[in-house]
Amino acid sequence: MQNLTAWNTGFRWDRQWIVVNYKGRAYTQRNEPKLALVQVELPNEAFTEGWEPTRSSYMAIRAPGMDMLKISLSRPSDVTDGVSVFEWSGSALDEGAEAANWFTNYLGKTSRLVRFDAASATRPVDAEFAPGHKIMFSDEYPFMLLSQESLDALNKLLKEPLPINRFRPNILVEGCEPYSEDLWTEVSISKVKFQGVKLCSRCKVKRHLSDVFQIPTIDQNTGIAGSEPTETLMKVRSDKVLLPNRKHKGKVYFGQNLVLKDNLTEGKENIVKVGDPVFVLRKVSTTVEAAA
């Protein structure tokens, strides 16, 4: 993937689909770690500026033991009501019976695949940190930035190094000091300006890891969860360590959440390419000053 079109709700095609249960509640790897093994492939032309899907344009979905599922990239006509993701609920576009049967068979429980309906649905970002901004099916924010140097620094503390896919940033940068992205409040990539709004908090730590899986602990090649990197992050990246003067909630931080600095017209000079230089335009002096 070489080119990504930045929309106000995130990169095009990113976090547009979710799998829901019979009540319309979203599955995630936290409660269905088998989803880690689902592989998605889009046509190369889907990442070119101004491209629109035709009837023959599709997304390919694969998983162990399953035949390939093809999902048309054209807008579905069916709508499912009562879809919920964390605090949000509303309607979504339904990808149909074939997709529902595929995920039902794969997960072993009633499931449907739905797509965010950007034409009629609105899901706001936490107004405390980014008032007026919106997302689709992201956890919290449309963009999450992480540096390779931060991952390298964490891996030096782990017995077994972890790949970047454990943390799922949609912007990965390199060439900076470890954890320096904690401080960035405004960055520019190509002609697109992003605003750093808060440190990225990872899944809240549970007393027992078996209560709810934390996605960074799930091996994306096997779907099996362990105790790392959460145990190590609690020692070096917890709110108690990074934000000693604030109320502690048992959170750990790794990465920076971003929104677009300026509203963009879709498809107009908002292409971000692999290899683009990143310019830090504004930053705070220490992590203690960072929003979290």
Protein backbone atom coordinates (compact mmCIF):
# COMPACT_ATOMS: atom_id res chain seq x y z
CA MET A 1 0.00 0.00 0.00
CA GLN A 2 1.75 3.15 -1.20
CA ASN A 3 -0.91 5.90 -1.24
CA LEU A 4 -3.56 6.70 1.36
CA THR A 5 -6.26 9.31 0.99
CA ALA A 6 -6.89 11.13 4.28
CA TRP A 7 -10.53 11.86 5.04
CA ASN A 8 -11.79 13.72 8.07
CA THR A 9 -12.96 10.39 9.51
CA GLY A 10 -9.68 8.57 8.77
CA PHE A 11 -7.92 7.07 5.77
CA ARG A 12 -10.17 5.87 2.98
CA TRP A 13 -11.23 2.22 3.48
CA ASP A 14 -9.75 2.16 7.01
CA ARG A 15 -12.14 1.02 9.77
CA GLN A 16 -15.20 1.11 7.52
CA TRP A 17 -16.35 -2.45 8.32
CA ILE A 18 -17.14 -4.36 11.48
CA VAL A 19 -18.54 -7.79 12.31
CA VAL A 20 -21.53 -7.72 14.66
CA ASN A 21 -23.37 -10.35 16.68
CA TYR A 22 -27.09 -11.20 16.58
CA LYS A 23 -27.82 -8.13 18.70
CA GLY A 24 -25.86 -5.84 16.39
CA ARG A 25 -23.05 -5.43 18.91
CA ALA A 26 -19.57 -5.20 17.38
CA TYR A 27 -17.13 -8.05 17.80
CA THR A 28 -13.47 -7.13 18.32
CA GLN A 29 -10.36 -9.18 18.93
CA ARG A 30 -10.87 -8.50 22.63
CA ASN A 31 -13.71 -11.01 22.73
CA GLU A 32 -13.11 -12.84 19.43
CA PRO A 33 -9.33 -13.20 19.01
CA LYS A 34 -9.89 -15.38 15.91
CA LEU A 35 -10.55 -12.14 14.07
CA ALA A 36 -6.78 -11.57 14.18
CA LEU A 37 -6.43 -14.28 11.54
CA VAL A 38 -8.80 -12.65 9.06
CA GLN A 39 -6.83 -11.17 6.15
CA VAL A 40 -8.21 -8.41 3.93
CA GLU A 41 -6.99 -7.38 0.49
CA LEU A 42 -8.19 -4.47 -1.63
CA PRO A 43 -7.31 -3.78 -5.28
CA ASN A 44 -4.25 -1.59 -5.76
CA GLU A 45 -6.26 0.99 -7.67
CA ALA A 46 -8.43 1.56 -4.59
CA PHE A 47 -5.60 3.65 -3.16
CA THR A 48 -5.24 6.02 -6.09
CA GLU A 49 -6.58 9.55 -5.88
CA GLY A 50 -10.14 9.98 -7.10
CA TRP A 51 -10.76 6.27 -7.74
CA GLU A 52 -14.34 5.03 -7.44
CA PRO A 53 -15.37 1.37 -7.35
CA THR A 54 -17.25 -0.35 -10.15
CA ARG A 55 -19.53 -3.38 -9.94
CA SER A 56 -16.50 -5.61 -10.48
CA SER A 57 -14.43 -4.01 -7.66
CA TYR A 58 -14.29 -6.12 -4.53
CA MET A 59 -12.49 -6.67 -1.24
CA ALA A 60 -11.09 -10.18 -0.71
CA ILE A 61 -11.39 -11.67 2.80
CA ARG A 62 -9.53 -14.82 3.82
CA ALA A 63 -9.19 -16.86 7.01
CA PRO A 64 -7.82 -20.32 7.90
CA GLY A 65 -10.10 -23.11 6.78
CA MET A 66 -12.40 -20.77 4.86
CA ASP A 67 -12.98 -20.13 1.17
CA MET A 68 -12.26 -16.59 0.02
CA LEU A 69 -15.12 -14.16 0.53
CA LYS A 70 -15.61 -11.35 -1.99
CA ILE A 71 -17.26 -8.13 -0.84
CA SER A 72 -18.26 -5.58 -3.44
CA LEU A 73 -16.78 -2.14 -2.80
CA SER A 74 -19.89 -0.53 -4.28
CA ARG A 75 -22.33 0.81 -1.72
CA PRO A 76 -24.72 -1.91 -0.44
CA SER A 77 -28.44 -1.22 -0.65
CA ASP A 78 -29.53 -3.02 2.53
CA VAL A 79 -29.45 -1.37 5.95
CA THR A 80 -29.19 -2.94 9.40
CA ASP A 81 -30.52 -1.00 12.38
CA GLY A 82 -29.37 -1.31 15.99
CA VAL A 83 -25.63 -1.57 15.30
CA SER A 84 -23.52 -0.61 18.31
CA VAL A 85 -19.82 0.03 18.81
CA PHE A 86 -18.77 0.92 22.36
CA GLU A 87 -20.90 3.96 23.27
CA TRP A 88 -22.30 4.55 19.75
CA SER A 89 -25.38 3.01 18.19
CA GLY A 90 -27.09 3.57 14.87
CA SER A 91 -27.72 1.98 11.48
CA ALA A 92 -25.13 0.60 9.06
CA LEU A 93 -24.99 -0.81 5.55
CA ASP A 94 -25.41 -4.59 5.48
CA GLU A 95 -23.06 -6.64 3.29
CA GLY A 96 -25.61 -9.40 2.82
CA ALA A 97 -26.31 -13.06 3.52
CA GLU A 98 -23.14 -14.54 2.00
CA ALA A 99 -20.91 -12.41 4.23
CA ALA A 100 -23.13 -13.14 7.24
CA ASN A 101 -22.89 -16.91 6.64
CA TRP A 102 -19.11 -16.71 6.13
CA PHE A 103 -18.47 -14.97 9.46
CA THR A 104 -21.09 -17.07 11.25
CA ASN A 105 -19.31 -20.24 10.13
CA TYR A 106 -15.88 -18.86 10.94
CA LEU A 107 -16.69 -17.60 14.43
CA GLY A 108 -19.20 -20.32 15.23
CA LYS A 109 -21.90 -17.84 16.25
CA THR A 110 -24.43 -15.65 14.49
CA SER A 111 -22.65 -12.76 12.79
CA ARG A 112 -23.10 -10.12 10.12
CA LEU A 113 -20.65 -7.87 8.26
CA VAL A 114 -21.69 -4.23 8.13
CA ARG A 115 -20.19 -1.06 6.66
CA PHE A 116 -20.33 2.42 8.12
CA ASP A 117 -22.91 4.56 6.33
CA ALA A 118 -21.07 7.88 6.09
CA ALA A 119 -23.96 9.39 4.11
CA SER A 120 -26.44 9.15 6.98
CA ALA A 121 -24.61 8.17 10.19
CA THR A 122 -22.44 10.33 12.43
CA ARG A 123 -20.14 9.11 15.18
CA PRO A 124 -18.44 11.92 17.13
CA VAL A 125 -15.00 11.78 18.72
CA ASP A 126 -14.69 12.46 22.46
CA ALA A 127 -15.49 16.17 22.68
CA GLU A 128 -13.12 16.60 25.62
CA PHE A 129 -10.12 16.10 23.34
CA ALA A 130 -11.32 16.70 19.78
CA PRO A 131 -14.65 18.55 19.67
CA GLY A 132 -16.37 18.55 16.32
CA HIS A 133 -14.39 15.62 14.87
CA LYS A 134 -15.92 12.35 13.70
CA ILE A 135 -14.92 8.75 13.10
CA MET A 136 -16.32 5.63 11.50
CA PHE A 137 -15.62 2.31 13.25
CA SER A 138 -12.28 3.23 14.82
CA ASP A 139 -12.00 2.62 18.55
CA GLU A 140 -11.69 6.32 19.41
CA TYR A 141 -9.87 8.52 16.89
CA PRO A 142 -9.37 8.50 13.10
CA PHE A 143 -5.55 8.36 13.18
CA MET A 144 -2.98 6.81 15.47
CA LEU A 145 0.72 7.55 15.04
CA LEU A 146 3.58 5.48 16.43
CA SER A 147 7.32 5.61 15.80
CA GLN A 148 9.53 2.68 14.94
CA GLU A 149 11.96 3.93 17.56
CA SER A 150 9.32 3.58 20.28
CA LEU A 151 8.68 -0.01 19.23
CA ASP A 152 12.41 -0.69 19.16
CA ALA A 153 12.80 0.73 22.68
CA LEU A 154 9.96 -1.43 23.98
CA ASN A 155 11.33 -4.53 22.26
CA LYS A 156 14.65 -4.10 24.07
CA LEU A 157 12.75 -4.66 27.31
CA LEU A 158 10.85 -7.73 26.12
CA LYS A 159 12.11 -11.31 26.07
CA GLU A 160 10.50 -11.78 22.66
CA PRO A 161 10.33 -8.74 20.31
CA LEU A 162 6.92 -7.86 18.93
CA PRO A 163 5.98 -6.71 15.41
CA ILE A 164 4.24 -3.43 14.78
CA ASN A 165 0.93 -5.15 13.98
CA ARG A 166 0.37 -5.69 17.70
CA PHE A 167 -0.29 -1.96 18.05
CA ARG A 168 -2.13 -1.24 14.76
CA PRO A 169 -1.04 2.33 14.04
CA ASN A 170 -2.24 3.69 10.71
CA ILE A 171 0.73 6.08 10.63
CA LEU A 172 4.19 4.66 11.35
CA VAL A 173 7.14 7.06 11.36
CA GLU A 174 10.86 6.62 11.85
CA GLY A 175 13.90 8.82 12.39
CA CYS A 176 13.04 10.29 15.79
CA GLU A 177 13.88 9.59 19.43
CA PRO A 178 11.89 6.87 21.22
CA TYR A 179 8.53 8.11 22.51
CA SER A 180 9.08 11.59 21.07
CA GLU A 181 5.63 11.35 19.45
CA ASP A 182 4.20 11.75 22.97
CA LEU A 183 4.99 15.45 22.68
CA TRP A 184 3.72 16.20 19.16
CA THR A 185 0.61 18.37 18.99
CA GLU A 186 0.81 19.25 15.29
CA VAL A 187 2.54 17.45 12.44
CA SER A 188 2.53 17.80 8.68
CA ILE A 189 2.80 14.91 6.22
CA SER A 190 2.76 15.86 2.54
CA LYS A 191 0.16 18.66 2.40
CA VAL A 192 -1.91 17.24 5.23
CA LYS A 193 -1.73 18.65 8.76
CA PHE A 194 -2.61 16.50 11.74
CA GLN A 195 -3.31 17.56 15.31
CA GLY A 196 -2.10 15.41 18.18
CA VAL A 197 -4.98 15.33 20.66
CA LYS A 198 -4.02 12.78 23.32
CA LEU A 199 -1.71 9.92 24.16
CA CYS A 200 -3.08 6.63 22.89
CA SER A 201 -4.30 4.65 25.88
CA ARG A 202 -4.28 0.92 25.41
CA CYS A 203 -7.00 -1.40 26.71
CA LYS A 204 -7.67 -0.85 30.39
CA VAL A 205 -5.72 -3.35 32.45
CA LYS A 206 -7.89 -6.04 34.03
CA ARG A 207 -7.13 -7.88 37.24
CA HIS A 208 -7.19 -11.12 35.27
CA LEU A 209 -6.02 -11.12 31.65
CA SER A 210 -8.66 -13.72 30.85
CA ASP A 211 -11.46 -11.23 31.65
CA VAL A 212 -11.00 -9.38 28.37
CA PHE A 213 -8.15 -9.81 25.93
CA GLN A 214 -6.05 -6.72 25.28
CA ILE A 215 -5.32 -6.45 21.59
CA PRO A 216 -1.54 -5.80 21.88
CA THR A 217 -1.29 -9.10 23.77
CA ILE A 218 -2.82 -11.09 20.88
CA ASP A 219 -0.40 -12.72 18.45
CA GLN A 220 -1.73 -11.65 15.04
CA ASN A 221 -0.38 -14.82 13.44
CA THR A 222 -2.01 -17.27 15.85
CA GLY A 223 -4.86 -15.43 17.59
CA ILE A 224 -3.41 -16.50 20.97
CA ALA A 225 -3.12 -13.96 23.80
CA GLY A 226 -0.33 -13.72 26.35
CA SER A 227 0.67 -11.29 29.10
CA GLU A 228 3.04 -9.12 27.08
CA PRO A 229 3.53 -6.32 26.26
CA THR A 230 1.02 -5.18 28.89
CA GLU A 231 3.12 -6.27 31.87
CA THR A 232 6.16 -4.38 30.62
CA LEU A 233 4.16 -1.33 29.53
CA MET A 234 2.69 -1.11 33.03
CA LYS A 235 6.22 -0.71 34.36
CA VAL A 236 7.41 1.95 31.91
CA ARG A 237 4.38 3.51 30.18
CA SER A 238 1.56 3.60 32.73
CA ASP A 239 -0.26 6.75 33.78
CA LYS A 240 1.41 6.35 37.18
CA VAL A 241 4.84 6.57 35.53
CA LEU A 242 4.17 9.14 32.81
CA LEU A 243 1.61 11.34 34.55
CA PRO A 244 2.48 11.18 38.24
CA ASN A 245 0.49 14.28 39.20
CA ARG A 246 -2.82 13.09 37.75
CA LYS A 247 -5.47 10.64 38.88
CA HIS A 248 -4.34 7.15 37.99
CA LYS A 249 -6.76 4.82 36.18
CA GLY A 250 -4.51 1.86 35.42
CA LYS A 251 -3.94 2.89 31.81
CA VAL A 252 -0.87 2.40 29.66
CA TYR A 253 0.08 4.64 26.74
CA PHE A 254 1.78 3.84 23.46
CA GLY A 255 1.42 6.18 20.48
CA GLN A 256 -0.38 9.46 19.79
CA ASN A 257 -3.99 9.91 18.67
CA LEU A 258 -4.50 12.37 15.83
CA VAL A 259 -7.26 14.20 13.99
CA LEU A 260 -6.98 16.34 10.88
CA LYS A 261 -5.96 19.89 11.66
CA ASP A 262 -8.11 21.31 8.85
CA ASN A 263 -11.21 19.93 7.15
CA LEU A 264 -10.36 18.51 3.75
CA THR A 265 -12.37 18.06 0.58
CA GLU A 266 -12.30 14.36 -0.19
CA GLY A 267 -9.79 13.53 -2.89
CA LYS A 268 -8.25 17.01 -3.06
CA GLU A 269 -4.53 17.20 -2.22
CA ASN A 270 -4.89 14.89 0.76
CA ILE A 271 -2.77 11.97 -0.36
CA VAL A 272 -0.24 10.63 2.14
CA LYS A 273 2.45 8.38 0.67
CA VAL A 274 4.84 5.88 2.19
CA GLY A 275 8.18 7.68 2.52
CA ASP A 276 6.74 11.19 2.87
CA PRO A 277 8.72 13.41 5.26
CA VAL A 278 7.08 14.22 8.59
CA PHE A 279 7.43 17.73 10.01
CA VAL A 280 6.76 18.42 13.68
CA LEU A 281 5.16 21.88 13.75
CA ARG A 282 4.20 22.09 17.42
CA LYS A 283 4.95 20.10 20.53
CA VAL A 284 4.85 20.27 24.30
CA SER A 285 8.02 20.15 26.36
CA THR A 286 7.44 17.02 28.47
CA THR A 287 5.05 14.09 28.65
CA VAL A 288 3.62 15.55 31.84
CA GLU A 289 2.11 18.32 29.69
CA ALA A 290 0.59 15.92 27.18
CA ALA A 291 -3.16 15.37 26.97
CA ALA A 292 -4.15 11.87 28.04
